[in-house]
Amino acid sequence: MIFINPKIDFAFKKIFGSEDSKDILISFLNALIYNEKPIIHDVEILNPYIAPKIRGVKDTYLDIKAKIKDSETGEQRTVIIEMQVLNVEGFEKRILYNAAKSYSTQLTSGQSYNLLNPVIALTITDFVMFPELSNVSSTFVLKEKDFLIDYPIYDIELIFVELPKFKKKLLELETIVDKWLYFLNRARSLTDVPAAMETIPEIKKAFYIANQANLTLDELEDQEKSEIFIQDQRGAVTKALRQGLEQGLEQGLEQGLEQGLEQGLEQGLEQGLEQGRTQGQEEGEQRKAVEIARKLLGILDDLKICEMTGLTSAELEDLKT
């Protein structure tokens, strides 16, 4: 068997966002949002997957919007599920914007704010967003800045799942969360459904939907376009980084050479001046010693003159000739 990549384009939405996939989505959300507790029993997918008609690829991200009902509190919530493959500029702001927009657009003019339902933004990334955090999953809510007290209304929650941080191998899978994350990370490289994952009916069904043999020709072409688009985008980023590195190295070398030449000239000039000063001083002292020695010839003996002037006996003899 060949499985399509759940992280790429329409595949994520086909697996988790179709009308026939509600049980898959419920299992997935209960695992990632509620730590495997059976909080969600029903879900209404607001933007269900529709088979493509060979469309162009415009988005590098996917999202599923659904309404869920908390079986414990009876409270309804809106969940936005987004799979982000590329770390594009402004992505963090878009997550916050989509959550705030989903929260604010629930009301029409004149309706009471009490009708607002909480919004959960579940974002799964194929890159590391928070390198300072070691956990695969992290949750952000509104809190008081200094004392970290929760805001009274717990209505906007941002949950991030960073797939590159999930390192478990097949034999290490223990929880349903582990198995769902392994499915997202590794389904594309598998050739059959692992026995350890067949025990979860929803995951087994997800593998069935992801089986390339069950896709139409239009779906296969759409999947291929999506993968090519992502590869091209990643290639463009890699090329830009490489060009930036090459330009940086080239500029650095040029600046280094210029600075090296400039510093060399400055150092050479300083050394030349210093040597000139030293040599000039030595020559001046030598001439002065010679003049004194000449005046002392015939007055003092040679040994005494050499001691007083610092001249050698040979230099003193030269003065006599």
Protein backbone atom coordinates (compact mmCIF):
# COMPACT_ATOMS: atom_id res chain seq x y z
CA MET A 1 0.00 0.00 0.00
CA ILE A 2 0.99 3.61 -0.62
CA PHE A 3 -0.41 6.26 1.70
CA ILE A 4 -0.78 9.93 0.85
CA ASN A 5 0.92 12.46 3.09
CA PRO A 6 -1.56 13.65 5.77
CA LYS A 7 0.46 16.86 6.19
CA ILE A 8 0.03 17.98 2.59
CA ASP A 9 -2.81 20.05 1.13
CA PHE A 10 -6.17 18.38 0.65
CA ALA A 11 -5.09 15.07 2.25
CA PHE A 12 -5.41 16.40 5.80
CA LYS A 13 -8.87 17.76 5.11
CA LYS A 14 -9.96 14.61 3.25
CA ILE A 15 -8.91 12.41 6.19
CA PHE A 16 -10.22 14.57 9.03
CA GLY A 17 -12.74 16.94 7.46
CA SER A 18 -15.19 14.90 5.39
CA GLU A 19 -18.71 14.00 6.50
CA ASP A 20 -17.68 10.35 6.64
CA SER A 21 -14.76 11.17 8.95
CA LYS A 22 -16.58 12.54 11.98
CA ASP A 23 -15.53 9.61 14.14
CA ILE A 24 -11.91 10.15 13.05
CA LEU A 25 -12.09 13.86 13.89
CA ILE A 26 -13.69 13.18 17.28
CA SER A 27 -10.95 10.71 18.21
CA PHE A 28 -8.27 13.10 16.99
CA LEU A 29 -9.67 16.10 18.90
CA ASN A 30 -10.32 14.16 22.11
CA ALA A 31 -6.70 12.98 21.99
CA LEU A 32 -4.97 16.27 21.19
CA ILE A 33 -7.23 18.71 23.04
CA TYR A 34 -8.61 16.70 25.96
CA ASN A 35 -5.74 14.25 26.59
CA GLU A 36 -7.80 11.25 25.38
CA LYS A 37 -10.81 11.95 27.61
CA PRO A 38 -14.13 11.26 25.78
CA ILE A 39 -15.29 14.87 26.08
CA ILE A 40 -16.55 15.18 22.49
CA HIS A 41 -19.33 12.85 21.36
CA ASP A 42 -20.51 14.71 18.29
CA VAL A 43 -19.07 17.24 15.89
CA GLU A 44 -20.49 19.46 13.15
CA ILE A 45 -17.98 20.15 10.38
CA LEU A 46 -18.66 23.68 9.14
CA ASN A 47 -16.48 23.47 6.00
CA PRO A 48 -16.56 19.80 4.93
CA TYR A 49 -14.12 18.41 2.39
CA ILE A 50 -15.28 18.44 -1.22
CA ALA A 51 -13.45 16.42 -3.86
CA PRO A 52 -11.35 18.77 -6.03
CA LYS A 53 -11.75 19.44 -9.72
CA ILE A 54 -8.08 19.88 -10.62
CA ARG A 55 -7.77 23.30 -9.05
CA GLY A 56 -4.60 25.35 -8.71
CA VAL A 57 -2.76 25.32 -5.42
CA LYS A 58 -3.20 28.65 -3.67
CA ASP A 59 -2.76 27.90 0.01
CA THR A 60 0.12 26.33 1.90
CA TYR A 61 -2.05 25.70 4.91
CA LEU A 62 -5.23 23.73 5.57
CA ASP A 63 -7.95 24.19 8.07
CA ILE A 64 -11.07 22.48 9.30
CA LYS A 65 -13.69 24.41 11.18
CA ALA A 66 -16.10 22.52 13.39
CA LYS A 67 -18.52 22.90 16.28
CA ILE A 68 -18.20 20.54 19.20
CA LYS A 69 -20.25 20.05 22.35
CA ASP A 70 -18.60 19.40 25.70
CA SER A 71 -20.33 16.31 27.10
CA GLU A 72 -19.42 17.33 30.66
CA THR A 73 -20.55 20.96 30.66
CA GLY A 74 -22.89 20.97 27.67
CA GLU A 75 -21.04 24.02 26.35
CA GLN A 76 -20.62 24.42 22.62
CA ARG A 77 -17.24 25.39 21.19
CA THR A 78 -15.82 26.26 17.81
CA VAL A 79 -12.61 24.48 16.86
CA ILE A 80 -10.27 25.57 14.08
CA ILE A 81 -7.84 22.84 13.06
CA GLU A 82 -4.95 23.97 10.90
CA MET A 83 -2.02 22.04 9.46
CA GLN A 84 0.89 24.34 8.59
CA VAL A 85 3.71 22.91 6.49
CA LEU A 86 5.75 26.07 5.81
CA ASN A 87 6.89 28.62 8.36
CA VAL A 88 5.72 31.71 6.49
CA GLU A 89 6.03 35.30 7.63
CA GLY A 90 3.12 36.51 9.78
CA PHE A 91 1.94 32.98 10.57
CA GLU A 92 1.73 33.64 14.33
CA LYS A 93 -0.44 36.71 13.75
CA ARG A 94 -2.72 34.81 11.38
CA ILE A 95 -3.42 32.14 14.01
CA LEU A 96 -4.45 34.80 16.50
CA TYR A 97 -6.46 36.67 13.87
CA ASN A 98 -8.39 33.56 12.80
CA ALA A 99 -9.21 32.68 16.41
CA ALA A 100 -10.34 36.23 17.22
CA LYS A 101 -12.35 36.44 14.00
CA SER A 102 -14.10 33.13 14.67
CA TYR A 103 -14.94 34.39 18.16
CA SER A 104 -16.22 37.82 17.16
CA THR A 105 -18.25 36.85 14.09
CA GLN A 106 -20.56 34.56 16.08
CA LEU A 107 -22.83 37.50 16.88
CA THR A 108 -25.01 39.62 14.67
CA SER A 109 -25.94 43.19 15.48
CA GLY A 110 -27.83 43.52 18.75
CA GLN A 111 -27.14 40.02 20.07
CA SER A 112 -25.94 39.54 23.65
CA TYR A 113 -22.29 38.81 24.34
CA ASN A 114 -23.44 35.94 26.54
CA LEU A 115 -24.18 34.02 23.35
CA LEU A 116 -20.49 33.87 22.45
CA ASN A 117 -19.06 30.34 22.55
CA PRO A 118 -15.37 29.59 23.28
CA VAL A 119 -12.95 29.12 20.38
CA ILE A 120 -10.08 26.64 20.30
CA ALA A 121 -7.42 27.04 17.61
CA LEU A 122 -5.56 23.75 17.19
CA THR A 123 -2.49 24.32 15.02
CA ILE A 124 -0.24 21.47 13.90
CA THR A 125 3.10 22.55 12.44
CA ASP A 126 5.68 20.64 10.44
CA PHE A 127 8.37 22.91 11.87
CA VAL A 128 9.47 24.01 15.35
CA MET A 129 7.72 27.15 16.54
CA PHE A 130 8.89 27.28 20.15
CA PRO A 131 12.50 26.03 20.41
CA GLU A 132 12.59 27.12 24.05
CA LEU A 133 9.87 24.56 24.89
CA SER A 134 10.61 20.83 24.90
CA ASN A 135 7.00 19.58 24.85
CA VAL A 136 5.43 18.50 21.58
CA SER A 137 2.18 20.24 22.55
CA SER A 138 1.76 23.66 24.16
CA THR A 139 -1.34 25.66 25.15
CA PHE A 140 -1.71 29.43 25.38
CA VAL A 141 -4.54 31.28 27.15
CA LEU A 142 -5.15 34.81 28.44
CA LYS A 143 -3.46 35.43 31.80
CA GLU A 144 -2.58 38.37 34.04
CA LYS A 145 0.91 39.53 33.12
CA ASP A 146 2.60 39.58 36.54
CA PHE A 147 0.67 37.00 38.58
CA LEU A 148 -0.30 34.63 35.73
CA ILE A 149 -3.92 34.47 36.89
CA ASP A 150 -6.39 33.24 34.26
CA TYR A 151 -8.69 35.78 32.67
CA PRO A 152 -12.24 35.26 34.07
CA ILE A 153 -13.59 34.18 30.69
CA TYR A 154 -11.66 31.20 29.32
CA ASP A 155 -12.91 31.68 25.77
CA ILE A 156 -9.88 31.75 23.44
CA GLU A 157 -7.37 28.93 23.59
CA LEU A 158 -4.41 28.40 21.25
CA ILE A 159 -3.01 24.87 21.11
CA PHE A 160 0.14 24.10 19.10
CA VAL A 161 1.48 20.68 18.17
CA GLU A 162 5.02 20.70 16.72
CA LEU A 163 5.52 17.48 14.77
CA PRO A 164 9.36 17.64 14.48
CA LYS A 165 9.55 17.34 18.27
CA PHE A 166 7.77 13.99 18.21
CA LYS A 167 10.61 11.44 18.07
CA LYS A 168 8.96 8.20 19.22
CA LYS A 169 9.42 5.06 17.14
CA LEU A 170 6.71 2.50 16.42
CA LEU A 171 7.59 0.20 19.33
CA GLU A 172 7.57 3.18 21.71
CA LEU A 173 3.97 4.22 20.99
CA GLU A 174 1.82 4.00 24.11
CA THR A 175 -1.07 6.46 23.99
CA ILE A 176 -3.63 7.36 21.36
CA VAL A 177 -1.93 10.77 21.14
CA ASP A 178 1.33 9.00 20.26
CA LYS A 179 -0.39 6.99 17.55
CA TRP A 180 -2.10 9.98 15.96
CA LEU A 181 1.15 11.95 15.89
CA TYR A 182 2.98 8.93 14.45
CA PHE A 183 0.27 8.68 11.78
CA LEU A 184 0.78 12.32 10.78
CA ASN A 185 4.56 12.03 10.78
CA ARG A 186 5.10 8.62 9.22
CA ALA A 187 2.04 7.51 7.21
CA ARG A 188 3.66 8.59 3.94
CA SER A 189 6.65 6.27 4.50
CA LEU A 190 4.63 3.18 5.56
CA THR A 191 3.51 0.35 3.29
CA ASP A 192 0.91 -1.19 5.60
CA VAL A 193 -1.01 -0.37 8.76
CA PRO A 194 1.10 -1.19 11.85
CA ALA A 195 -0.51 -3.84 14.04
CA ALA A 196 -0.23 -1.60 17.10
CA MET A 197 -2.35 1.04 15.36
CA GLU A 198 -5.03 -1.27 13.95
CA THR A 199 -6.45 -1.60 17.47
CA ILE A 200 -7.75 2.00 17.23
CA PRO A 201 -10.70 1.85 14.77
CA GLU A 202 -10.53 5.55 13.92
CA ILE A 203 -6.81 5.40 13.09
CA LYS A 204 -7.32 2.25 11.03
CA LYS A 205 -10.05 4.10 9.12
CA ALA A 206 -7.74 7.09 8.63
CA PHE A 207 -5.19 4.78 7.02
CA TYR A 208 -7.94 3.41 4.75
CA ILE A 209 -8.87 6.92 3.58
CA ALA A 210 -5.18 7.79 3.13
CA ASN A 211 -4.61 4.71 0.95
CA GLN A 212 -3.66 6.07 -2.45
CA ALA A 213 -5.59 3.23 -4.13
CA ASN A 214 -8.85 4.68 -2.80
CA LEU A 215 -8.33 8.11 -4.41
CA THR A 216 -9.78 9.28 -7.70
CA LEU A 217 -7.53 10.46 -10.51
CA ASP A 218 -8.50 14.07 -9.75
CA GLU A 219 -7.56 13.62 -6.10
CA LEU A 220 -4.25 12.01 -6.98
CA GLU A 221 -3.39 14.87 -9.32
CA ASP A 222 -4.37 17.43 -6.71
CA GLN A 223 -2.20 15.65 -4.13
CA GLU A 224 0.75 15.58 -6.54
CA LYS A 225 0.36 19.30 -7.28
CA SER A 226 0.29 20.04 -3.60
CA GLU A 227 3.47 18.08 -2.91
CA ILE A 228 5.28 19.73 -5.82
CA PHE A 229 4.16 23.16 -4.61
CA ILE A 230 5.44 22.51 -1.07
CA GLN A 231 8.73 21.15 -2.39
CA ASP A 232 9.13 24.20 -4.63
CA GLN A 233 8.45 26.54 -1.73
CA ARG A 234 10.92 24.73 0.50
CA GLY A 235 13.44 24.73 -2.35
CA ALA A 236 12.97 28.47 -2.78
CA VAL A 237 13.57 29.03 0.93
CA THR A 238 16.68 26.81 0.85
CA LYS A 239 17.98 28.63 -2.23
CA ALA A 240 17.38 32.02 -0.63
CA LEU A 241 19.21 30.92 2.50
CA ARG A 242 22.12 29.56 0.45
CA GLN A 243 22.33 32.73 -1.64
CA GLY A 244 22.16 34.83 1.50
CA LEU A 245 24.96 32.79 3.03
CA GLU A 246 27.10 33.05 -0.10
CA GLN A 247 26.54 36.79 -0.36
CA GLY A 248 27.27 37.18 3.33
CA LEU A 249 30.51 35.22 3.00
CA GLU A 250 31.53 37.18 -0.10
CA GLN A 251 30.82 40.53 1.54
CA GLY A 252 32.54 39.37 4.69
CA LEU A 253 35.64 38.36 2.75
CA GLU A 254 35.70 41.65 0.85
CA GLN A 255 35.27 43.68 4.01
CA GLY A 256 37.86 41.52 5.74
CA LEU A 257 40.38 42.07 2.93
CA GLU A 258 39.69 45.80 2.87
CA GLN A 259 39.93 46.05 6.62
CA GLY A 260 43.03 43.82 6.54
CA LEU A 261 44.75 46.01 3.96
CA GLU A 262 43.76 49.15 5.83
CA GLN A 263 44.89 47.72 9.13
CA GLY A 264 48.09 46.45 7.48
CA LEU A 265 48.87 49.89 6.11
CA GLU A 266 48.17 51.50 9.46
CA GLN A 267 50.28 48.93 11.31
CA GLY A 268 53.08 49.23 8.72
CA LEU A 269 53.06 53.00 8.98
CA GLU A 270 53.15 52.87 12.75
CA GLN A 271 55.97 50.33 12.73
CA GLY A 272 57.90 52.39 10.13
CA LEU A 273 57.53 55.55 12.15
CA GLU A 274 58.58 53.78 15.30
CA GLN A 275 61.57 52.22 13.57
CA GLY A 276 62.44 55.59 12.06
CA ARG A 277 62.23 57.28 15.41
CA THR A 278 64.37 54.58 17.00
CA GLN A 279 66.89 54.58 14.18
CA GLY A 280 67.04 58.38 14.10
CA GLN A 281 67.54 58.51 17.83
CA GLU A 282 70.29 55.90 17.65
CA GLU A 283 72.04 57.73 14.80
CA GLY A 284 71.76 61.04 16.65
CA GLU A 285 73.27 59.55 19.77
CA GLN A 286 76.04 57.98 17.69
CA ARG A 287 76.96 61.32 16.08
CA LYS A 288 76.92 63.03 19.43
CA ALA A 289 79.20 60.35 20.91
CA VAL A 290 81.64 60.76 17.99
CA GLU A 291 81.77 64.54 18.47
CA ILE A 292 82.50 64.18 22.18
CA ALA A 293 85.14 61.54 21.53
CA ARG A 294 86.94 63.81 19.04
CA LYS A 295 87.12 66.60 21.65
CA LEU A 296 88.51 64.24 24.26
CA LEU A 297 91.27 62.80 22.08
CA GLY A 298 94.62 63.75 23.53
CA ILE A 299 93.04 64.81 26.80
CA LEU A 300 91.93 61.44 28.19
CA ASP A 301 93.22 57.99 27.54
CA ASP A 302 91.35 55.75 25.05
CA LEU A 303 89.78 53.50 27.69
CA LYS A 304 88.25 56.44 29.51
CA ILE A 305 86.87 57.95 26.28
CA CYS A 306 85.21 54.63 25.34
CA GLU A 307 83.60 54.40 28.79
CA MET A 308 82.23 57.96 28.57
CA THR A 309 80.93 57.83 24.99
CA GLY A 310 80.02 54.19 24.56
CA LEU A 311 82.15 53.87 21.45
CA THR A 312 84.14 50.72 20.83
CA SER A 313 87.93 50.82 20.68
CA ALA A 314 87.71 50.10 16.94
CA GLU A 315 85.36 53.05 16.38
CA LEU A 316 87.69 55.26 18.41
CA GLU A 317 90.69 54.15 16.30
CA ASP A 318 88.78 55.07 13.15
CA LEU A 319 88.41 58.63 14.49
CA LYS A 320 92.18 58.98 14.84
CA THR A 321 92.85 58.20 11.16
